[in-house]
Amino acid sequence: MMPPKIYDCFPFFNELDLLEIRLNYLDPVVDYFVLCESMVTFSGISKNLFYKDNKELFEKFGHKIIHVVVDDTPPELIGVDPFRTDQHQRNSVIKGLKGCADDDIIITSDLDEFPNIDKIKNLKEFYEPNILFHLAQDMYYYYFNLKETSGKLLSHSGEFDGVVDKKWLGTKICNYGFLKEHGVDKLRHPSMREAGRRVDDAGWHFTYVGGHKEMTARQRVLLKIECS
């Protein structure tokens, strides 16, 4: 019997440097990368397909990358509802998983949420099918050496009751059958903690990494959302 394949899935905006780091880091443990790229920003601005325009930079990983182009965002959402536009892009990851078996293992993250590779290498220590695993991740702002330690900045998932050293619950792991039942975006909802388990020391969230240039690009998108 063949072991389940491992798919690493994430939405992509324009973070080419971060993409290169992720691909190199997780390549030894991942069978396929599902890169989901939209033709519009969350705020409704048309954008280039940065992966497509630069795919020669990632030729080494080309046989593993499944590129999902999101070109069907409902018109009534564009420029009106950034949160549902975001949800649509996340849920479009499923288009890159058409060949999956129900027991294949799916990792879902934002691009800047890195699962600890040692946890993926040793999945048998904690993984069970039909359970959602929330990876507890240290958070870094702007640079790889600037760690957030207050425990007050949490992901949409929140944190498990009773945890004192609160972490960013970003990356999720489950089997494809579970993902099909619930949808990609739903995995990040606070209610899904009840259906899951927390995995400690499980990675890093590198938010706004890239310095001033990256911050400025993201702030333009956020400003457009706030002003619309």
C-alpha atoms as a PDB file:
ATOM      1  CA  MET A   1       0.000   0.000   0.000  1.00  0.00           C
ATOM      2  CA  MET A   2       1.372   3.380  -1.024  1.00  0.00           C
ATOM      3  CA  PRO A   3       1.904   5.915   1.781  1.00  0.00           C
ATOM      4  CA  PRO A   4      -0.265   9.040   1.599  1.00  0.00           C
ATOM      5  CA  LYS A   5       1.128  11.954  -0.366  1.00  0.00           C
ATOM      6  CA  ILE A   6       1.787  15.287   1.347  1.00  0.00           C
ATOM      7  CA  TYR A   7       0.515  18.534  -0.213  1.00  0.00           C
ATOM      8  CA  ASP A   8       1.637  21.969   1.003  1.00  0.00           C
ATOM      9  CA  CYS A   9      -1.029  24.542   0.070  1.00  0.00           C
ATOM     10  CA  PHE A  10      -0.940  28.331   0.342  1.00  0.00           C
ATOM     11  CA  PRO A  11      -2.271  31.529  -1.277  1.00  0.00           C
ATOM     12  CA  PHE A  12       0.345  33.637  -3.058  1.00  0.00           C
ATOM     13  CA  PHE A  13       0.504  37.393  -3.654  1.00  0.00           C
ATOM     14  CA  ASN A  14       3.962  38.528  -4.811  1.00  0.00           C
ATOM     15  CA  GLU A  15       6.410  37.313  -2.133  1.00  0.00           C
ATOM     16  CA  LEU A  16       9.012  35.729  -4.412  1.00  0.00           C
ATOM     17  CA  ASP A  17      11.807  35.642  -1.820  1.00  0.00           C
ATOM     18  CA  LEU A  18       9.585  34.032   0.798  1.00  0.00           C
ATOM     19  CA  LEU A  19       8.339  31.523  -1.768  1.00  0.00           C
ATOM     20  CA  GLU A  20      11.908  30.506  -2.595  1.00  0.00           C
ATOM     21  CA  ILE A  21      12.680  29.974   1.087  1.00  0.00           C
ATOM     22  CA  ARG A  22       9.532  27.892   1.621  1.00  0.00           C
ATOM     23  CA  LEU A  23      10.102  25.684  -1.411  1.00  0.00           C
ATOM     24  CA  ASN A  24      13.692  24.947  -0.458  1.00  0.00           C
ATOM     25  CA  TYR A  25      12.823  24.334   3.186  1.00  0.00           C
ATOM     26  CA  LEU A  26       9.884  21.966   2.685  1.00  0.00           C
ATOM     27  CA  ASP A  27      11.016  20.269  -0.522  1.00  0.00           C
ATOM     28  CA  PRO A  28      12.477  17.224   1.291  1.00  0.00           C
ATOM     29  CA  VAL A  29       9.160  16.342   2.952  1.00  0.00           C
ATOM     30  CA  VAL A  30       6.484  17.517   0.501  1.00  0.00           C
ATOM     31  CA  ASP A  31       5.252  15.705  -2.615  1.00  0.00           C
ATOM     32  CA  TYR A  32       3.434  18.697  -4.126  1.00  0.00           C
ATOM     33  CA  PHE A  33       3.114  22.434  -3.526  1.00  0.00           C
ATOM     34  CA  VAL A  34      -0.277  23.959  -4.354  1.00  0.00           C
ATOM     35  CA  LEU A  35       0.264  27.667  -5.032  1.00  0.00           C
ATOM     36  CA  CYS A  36      -3.010  29.572  -5.304  1.00  0.00           C
ATOM     37  CA  GLU A  37      -2.738  32.957  -7.033  1.00  0.00           C
ATOM     38  CA  SER A  38      -5.576  35.384  -7.726  1.00  0.00           C
ATOM     39  CA  MET A  39      -5.879  37.893 -10.559  1.00  0.00           C
ATOM     40  CA  VAL A  40      -7.204  40.495  -8.103  1.00  0.00           C
ATOM     41  CA  THR A  41      -6.090  41.666  -4.667  1.00  0.00           C
ATOM     42  CA  PHE A  42      -8.416  41.362  -1.684  1.00  0.00           C
ATOM     43  CA  SER A  43      -9.254  45.038  -2.174  1.00  0.00           C
ATOM     44  CA  GLY A  44     -10.298  44.475  -5.795  1.00  0.00           C
ATOM     45  CA  ILE A  45      -7.238  45.777  -7.659  1.00  0.00           C
ATOM     46  CA  SER A  46      -6.192  43.831 -10.749  1.00  0.00           C
ATOM     47  CA  LYS A  47      -2.748  42.291 -10.318  1.00  0.00           C
ATOM     48  CA  ASN A  48      -0.137  40.432 -12.312  1.00  0.00           C
ATOM     49  CA  LEU A  49       0.358  36.708 -11.834  1.00  0.00           C
ATOM     50  CA  PHE A  50       3.739  37.020 -10.171  1.00  0.00           C
ATOM     51  CA  TYR A  51       4.476  33.305 -10.032  1.00  0.00           C
ATOM     52  CA  LYS A  52       3.635  32.828 -13.704  1.00  0.00           C
ATOM     53  CA  ASP A  53       5.790  35.830 -14.648  1.00  0.00           C
ATOM     54  CA  ASN A  54       8.735  34.497 -12.633  1.00  0.00           C
ATOM     55  CA  LYS A  55       8.314  30.731 -12.777  1.00  0.00           C
ATOM     56  CA  GLU A  56      11.749  30.267 -14.356  1.00  0.00           C
ATOM     57  CA  LEU A  57      13.187  31.200 -10.949  1.00  0.00           C
ATOM     58  CA  PHE A  58      11.566  28.079  -9.509  1.00  0.00           C
ATOM     59  CA  GLU A  59      12.304  25.633 -12.322  1.00  0.00           C
ATOM     60  CA  LYS A  60      13.994  23.316  -9.820  1.00  0.00           C
ATOM     61  CA  PHE A  61      10.598  22.721  -8.192  1.00  0.00           C
ATOM     62  CA  GLY A  62       8.454  22.866 -11.330  1.00  0.00           C
ATOM     63  CA  HIS A  63       7.552  19.170 -11.234  1.00  0.00           C
ATOM     64  CA  LYS A  64       6.109  19.628  -7.751  1.00  0.00           C
ATOM     65  CA  ILE A  65       4.254  22.929  -8.128  1.00  0.00           C
ATOM     66  CA  ILE A  66       0.533  22.936  -8.911  1.00  0.00           C
ATOM     67  CA  HIS A  67      -0.326  26.518  -9.896  1.00  0.00           C
ATOM     68  CA  VAL A  68      -3.977  27.415  -9.318  1.00  0.00           C
ATOM     69  CA  VAL A  69      -5.009  30.670 -11.005  1.00  0.00           C
ATOM     70  CA  VAL A  70      -8.081  32.219  -9.384  1.00  0.00           C
ATOM     71  CA  ASP A  71      -9.860  33.917 -12.284  1.00  0.00           C
ATOM     72  CA  ASP A  72     -13.438  33.374 -11.126  1.00  0.00           C
ATOM     73  CA  THR A  73     -13.797  35.717  -8.156  1.00  0.00           C
ATOM     74  CA  PRO A  74     -17.505  36.683  -8.127  1.00  0.00           C
ATOM     75  CA  PRO A  75     -17.870  40.225  -9.537  1.00  0.00           C
ATOM     76  CA  GLU A  76     -20.133  41.234  -6.665  1.00  0.00           C
ATOM     77  CA  LEU A  77     -17.222  40.686  -4.246  1.00  0.00           C
ATOM     78  CA  ILE A  78     -14.482  42.530  -6.117  1.00  0.00           C
ATOM     79  CA  GLY A  79     -13.733  45.842  -4.465  1.00  0.00           C
ATOM     80  CA  VAL A  80     -16.722  45.386  -2.144  1.00  0.00           C
ATOM     81  CA  ASP A  81     -16.002  42.533   0.275  1.00  0.00           C
ATOM     82  CA  PRO A  82     -12.259  41.927   0.820  1.00  0.00           C
ATOM     83  CA  PHE A  83     -12.839  39.228   3.407  1.00  0.00           C
ATOM     84  CA  ARG A  84     -15.003  37.046   1.167  1.00  0.00           C
ATOM     85  CA  THR A  85     -12.575  37.715  -1.691  1.00  0.00           C
ATOM     86  CA  ASP A  86      -9.843  36.331   0.571  1.00  0.00           C
ATOM     87  CA  GLN A  87     -12.022  33.337   1.442  1.00  0.00           C
ATOM     88  CA  HIS A  88     -12.645  32.642  -2.234  1.00  0.00           C
ATOM     89  CA  GLN A  89      -8.918  32.534  -2.961  1.00  0.00           C
ATOM     90  CA  ARG A  90      -8.239  30.236  -0.004  1.00  0.00           C
ATOM     91  CA  ASN A  91     -11.044  27.862  -0.920  1.00  0.00           C
ATOM     92  CA  SER A  92      -9.790  27.725  -4.512  1.00  0.00           C
ATOM     93  CA  VAL A  93      -6.876  25.623  -3.249  1.00  0.00           C
ATOM     94  CA  ILE A  94      -9.235  22.656  -3.615  1.00  0.00           C
ATOM     95  CA  LYS A  95      -8.881  22.957  -7.413  1.00  0.00           C
ATOM     96  CA  GLY A  96      -5.258  21.888  -7.090  1.00  0.00           C
ATOM     97  CA  LEU A  97      -6.150  18.758  -5.139  1.00  0.00           C
ATOM     98  CA  LYS A  98      -8.332  16.975  -7.686  1.00  0.00           C
ATOM     99  CA  GLY A  99      -6.043  13.952  -7.827  1.00  0.00           C
ATOM    100  CA  CYS A 100      -5.934  13.449  -4.063  1.00  0.00           C
ATOM    101  CA  ALA A 101      -6.997  10.346  -2.203  1.00  0.00           C
ATOM    102  CA  ASP A 102      -9.012  10.889   0.969  1.00  0.00           C
ATOM    103  CA  ASP A 103      -6.068   9.812   3.130  1.00  0.00           C
ATOM    104  CA  ASP A 104      -3.533  12.154   1.506  1.00  0.00           C
ATOM    105  CA  ILE A 105      -2.161  14.694   3.978  1.00  0.00           C
ATOM    106  CA  ILE A 106      -2.891  18.368   3.366  1.00  0.00           C
ATOM    107  CA  ILE A 107      -0.943  21.247   4.915  1.00  0.00           C
ATOM    108  CA  THR A 108      -2.700  24.617   4.612  1.00  0.00           C
ATOM    109  CA  SER A 109      -1.024  27.890   5.565  1.00  0.00           C
ATOM    110  CA  ASP A 110      -0.482  31.425   4.531  1.00  0.00           C
ATOM    111  CA  LEU A 111       2.810  31.611   2.656  1.00  0.00           C
ATOM    112  CA  ASP A 112       4.485  33.269   5.649  1.00  0.00           C
ATOM    113  CA  GLU A 113       3.374  30.532   8.074  1.00  0.00           C
ATOM    114  CA  PHE A 114       6.130  27.912   8.029  1.00  0.00           C
ATOM    115  CA  PRO A 115       5.505  24.478   9.568  1.00  0.00           C
ATOM    116  CA  ASN A 116       8.457  23.026  11.457  1.00  0.00           C
ATOM    117  CA  ILE A 117       9.963  20.485   9.070  1.00  0.00           C
ATOM    118  CA  ASP A 118      10.745  18.138  11.962  1.00  0.00           C
ATOM    119  CA  LYS A 119       7.019  17.865  12.690  1.00  0.00           C
ATOM    120  CA  ILE A 120       6.359  16.874   9.080  1.00  0.00           C
ATOM    121  CA  LYS A 121       9.186  14.327   9.142  1.00  0.00           C
ATOM    122  CA  ASN A 122       7.721  12.794  12.295  1.00  0.00           C
ATOM    123  CA  LEU A 123       4.007  13.003  11.549  1.00  0.00           C
ATOM    124  CA  LYS A 124       3.485   9.509  12.924  1.00  0.00           C
ATOM    125  CA  GLU A 125       4.190  10.887  16.413  1.00  0.00           C
ATOM    126  CA  PHE A 126       0.929  12.867  16.467  1.00  0.00           C
ATOM    127  CA  TYR A 127      -1.038  12.570  13.223  1.00  0.00           C
ATOM    128  CA  GLU A 128      -4.387  10.801  12.918  1.00  0.00           C
ATOM    129  CA  PRO A 129      -6.855  11.027  10.020  1.00  0.00           C
ATOM    130  CA  ASN A 130     -10.119  12.959  10.347  1.00  0.00           C
ATOM    131  CA  ILE A 131      -8.676  15.284  12.992  1.00  0.00           C
ATOM    132  CA  LEU A 132      -7.536  18.872  12.441  1.00  0.00           C
ATOM    133  CA  PHE A 133      -4.087  19.714  13.792  1.00  0.00           C
ATOM    134  CA  HIS A 134      -3.311  23.340  14.681  1.00  0.00           C
ATOM    135  CA  LEU A 135       0.419  24.089  14.529  1.00  0.00           C
ATOM    136  CA  ALA A 136       1.517  26.486  17.286  1.00  0.00           C
ATOM    137  CA  GLN A 137       4.032  28.881  15.736  1.00  0.00           C
ATOM    138  CA  ASP A 138       6.382  31.589  17.012  1.00  0.00           C
ATOM    139  CA  MET A 139       5.679  34.962  15.411  1.00  0.00           C
ATOM    140  CA  TYR A 140       8.256  37.316  13.903  1.00  0.00           C
ATOM    141  CA  TYR A 141       7.665  40.868  12.652  1.00  0.00           C
ATOM    142  CA  TYR A 142       9.462  42.523   9.704  1.00  0.00           C
ATOM    143  CA  TYR A 143      12.725  40.577  10.136  1.00  0.00           C
ATOM    144  CA  PHE A 144      13.680  37.007  10.985  1.00  0.00           C
ATOM    145  CA  ASN A 145      15.254  38.083  14.290  1.00  0.00           C
ATOM    146  CA  LEU A 146      12.411  40.257  15.643  1.00  0.00           C
ATOM    147  CA  LYS A 147      10.200  37.940  17.696  1.00  0.00           C
ATOM    148  CA  GLU A 148       6.773  38.894  19.054  1.00  0.00           C
ATOM    149  CA  THR A 149       6.611  37.738  22.686  1.00  0.00           C
ATOM    150  CA  SER A 150       3.515  39.379  24.195  1.00  0.00           C
ATOM    151  CA  GLY A 151       1.187  36.514  23.244  1.00  0.00           C
ATOM    152  CA  LYS A 152      -1.503  39.073  22.449  1.00  0.00           C
ATOM    153  CA  LEU A 153      -1.313  38.815  18.654  1.00  0.00           C
ATOM    154  CA  LEU A 154      -3.161  35.655  17.695  1.00  0.00           C
ATOM    155  CA  SER A 155      -4.393  34.146  14.458  1.00  0.00           C
ATOM    156  CA  HIS A 156      -8.083  33.984  13.569  1.00  0.00           C
ATOM    157  CA  SER A 157      -8.108  30.533  15.188  1.00  0.00           C
ATOM    158  CA  GLY A 158      -7.362  32.084  18.571  1.00  0.00           C
ATOM    159  CA  GLU A 159      -5.695  29.826  21.137  1.00  0.00           C
ATOM    160  CA  PHE A 160      -6.670  26.745  23.118  1.00  0.00           C
ATOM    161  CA  ASP A 161      -8.115  27.242  26.610  1.00  0.00           C
ATOM    162  CA  GLY A 162      -5.588  27.018  29.400  1.00  0.00           C
ATOM    163  CA  VAL A 163      -2.524  27.739  27.270  1.00  0.00           C
ATOM    164  CA  VAL A 164      -0.300  30.275  29.034  1.00  0.00           C
ATOM    165  CA  ASP A 165       2.419  30.662  26.401  1.00  0.00           C
ATOM    166  CA  LYS A 166       0.079  31.666  23.587  1.00  0.00           C
ATOM    167  CA  LYS A 167       1.236  31.128  20.006  1.00  0.00           C
ATOM    168  CA  TRP A 168       0.077  31.825  16.463  1.00  0.00           C
ATOM    169  CA  LEU A 169      -2.119  28.913  15.337  1.00  0.00           C
ATOM    170  CA  GLY A 170      -1.533  29.341  11.631  1.00  0.00           C
ATOM    171  CA  THR A 171      -0.675  26.192   9.696  1.00  0.00           C
ATOM    172  CA  LYS A 172      -3.251  23.383   9.713  1.00  0.00           C
ATOM    173  CA  ILE A 173      -2.787  19.704   8.886  1.00  0.00           C
ATOM    174  CA  CYS A 174      -5.539  17.235   8.044  1.00  0.00           C
ATOM    175  CA  ASN A 175      -6.363  14.549   5.512  1.00  0.00           C
ATOM    176  CA  TYR A 176      -8.020  15.402   2.199  1.00  0.00           C
ATOM    177  CA  GLY A 177     -11.308  13.742   3.175  1.00  0.00           C
ATOM    178  CA  PHE A 178     -11.587  16.059   6.196  1.00  0.00           C
ATOM    179  CA  LEU A 179     -10.680  19.090   4.072  1.00  0.00           C
ATOM    180  CA  LYS A 180     -13.369  18.289   1.497  1.00  0.00           C
ATOM    181  CA  GLU A 181     -15.983  18.115   4.223  1.00  0.00           C
ATOM    182  CA  HIS A 182     -15.144  21.461   5.834  1.00  0.00           C
ATOM    183  CA  GLY A 183     -13.445  23.648   3.189  1.00  0.00           C
ATOM    184  CA  VAL A 184     -10.072  25.369   3.405  1.00  0.00           C
ATOM    185  CA  ASP A 185     -11.084  28.707   4.913  1.00  0.00           C
ATOM    186  CA  LYS A 186     -13.282  27.064   7.571  1.00  0.00           C
ATOM    187  CA  LEU A 187     -10.218  25.328   9.033  1.00  0.00           C
ATOM    188  CA  ARG A 188      -9.055  28.683  10.411  1.00  0.00           C
ATOM    189  CA  HIS A 189     -12.336  29.485  12.169  1.00  0.00           C
ATOM    190  CA  PRO A 190     -12.223  29.512  16.008  1.00  0.00           C
ATOM    191  CA  SER A 191     -14.968  26.877  16.144  1.00  0.00           C
ATOM    192  CA  MET A 192     -12.592  24.377  14.537  1.00  0.00           C
ATOM    193  CA  ARG A 193     -10.428  24.252  17.661  1.00  0.00           C
ATOM    194  CA  GLU A 194     -13.059  21.920  19.103  1.00  0.00           C
ATOM    195  CA  ALA A 195     -12.471  19.489  16.236  1.00  0.00           C
ATOM    196  CA  GLY A 196      -8.716  19.644  16.540  1.00  0.00           C
ATOM    197  CA  ARG A 197      -5.550  19.258  18.506  1.00  0.00           C
ATOM    198  CA  ARG A 198      -2.696  21.649  19.194  1.00  0.00           C
ATOM    199  CA  VAL A 199       0.861  20.771  18.134  1.00  0.00           C
ATOM    200  CA  ASP A 200       3.502  22.639  20.126  1.00  0.00           C
ATOM    201  CA  ASP A 201       6.844  23.947  18.821  1.00  0.00           C
ATOM    202  CA  ALA A 202       5.474  23.563  15.313  1.00  0.00           C
ATOM    203  CA  GLY A 203       6.817  26.430  13.234  1.00  0.00           C
ATOM    204  CA  TRP A 204       7.081  30.147  12.631  1.00  0.00           C
ATOM    205  CA  HIS A 205       4.952  33.009  11.320  1.00  0.00           C
ATOM    206  CA  PHE A 206       7.066  35.602   9.481  1.00  0.00           C
ATOM    207  CA  THR A 207       4.681  38.521   9.056  1.00  0.00           C
ATOM    208  CA  TYR A 208       5.653  41.552   6.954  1.00  0.00           C
ATOM    209  CA  VAL A 209       9.098  40.036   6.390  1.00  0.00           C
ATOM    210  CA  GLY A 210      10.860  41.877   3.588  1.00  0.00           C
ATOM    211  CA  GLY A 211      11.445  45.222   5.245  1.00  0.00           C
ATOM    212  CA  HIS A 212      10.144  48.569   4.040  1.00  0.00           C
ATOM    213  CA  LYS A 213       9.370  47.511   0.462  1.00  0.00           C
ATOM    214  CA  GLU A 214       7.170  44.608   1.509  1.00  0.00           C
ATOM    215  CA  MET A 215       5.429  46.661   4.199  1.00  0.00           C
ATOM    216  CA  THR A 216       4.635  49.420   1.706  1.00  0.00           C
ATOM    217  CA  ALA A 217       3.137  47.000  -0.832  1.00  0.00           C
ATOM    218  CA  ARG A 218       0.862  45.391   1.744  1.00  0.00           C
ATOM    219  CA  GLN A 219      -0.122  48.716   3.262  1.00  0.00           C
ATOM    220  CA  ARG A 220      -1.325  49.909  -0.157  1.00  0.00           C
ATOM    221  CA  VAL A 221      -3.682  46.950  -0.298  1.00  0.00           C
ATOM    222  CA  LEU A 222      -4.887  47.497   3.278  1.00  0.00           C
ATOM    223  CA  LEU A 223      -5.373  51.224   2.687  1.00  0.00           C
ATOM    224  CA  LYS A 224      -7.529  50.488  -0.332  1.00  0.00           C
ATOM    225  CA  ILE A 225      -9.667  48.170   1.832  1.00  0.00           C
ATOM    226  CA  GLU A 226     -10.064  50.757   4.592  1.00  0.00           C
ATOM    227  CA  CYS A 227     -10.999  53.539   2.161  1.00  0.00           C
ATOM    228  CA  SER A 228     -13.477  51.524   0.102  1.00  0.00           C
END
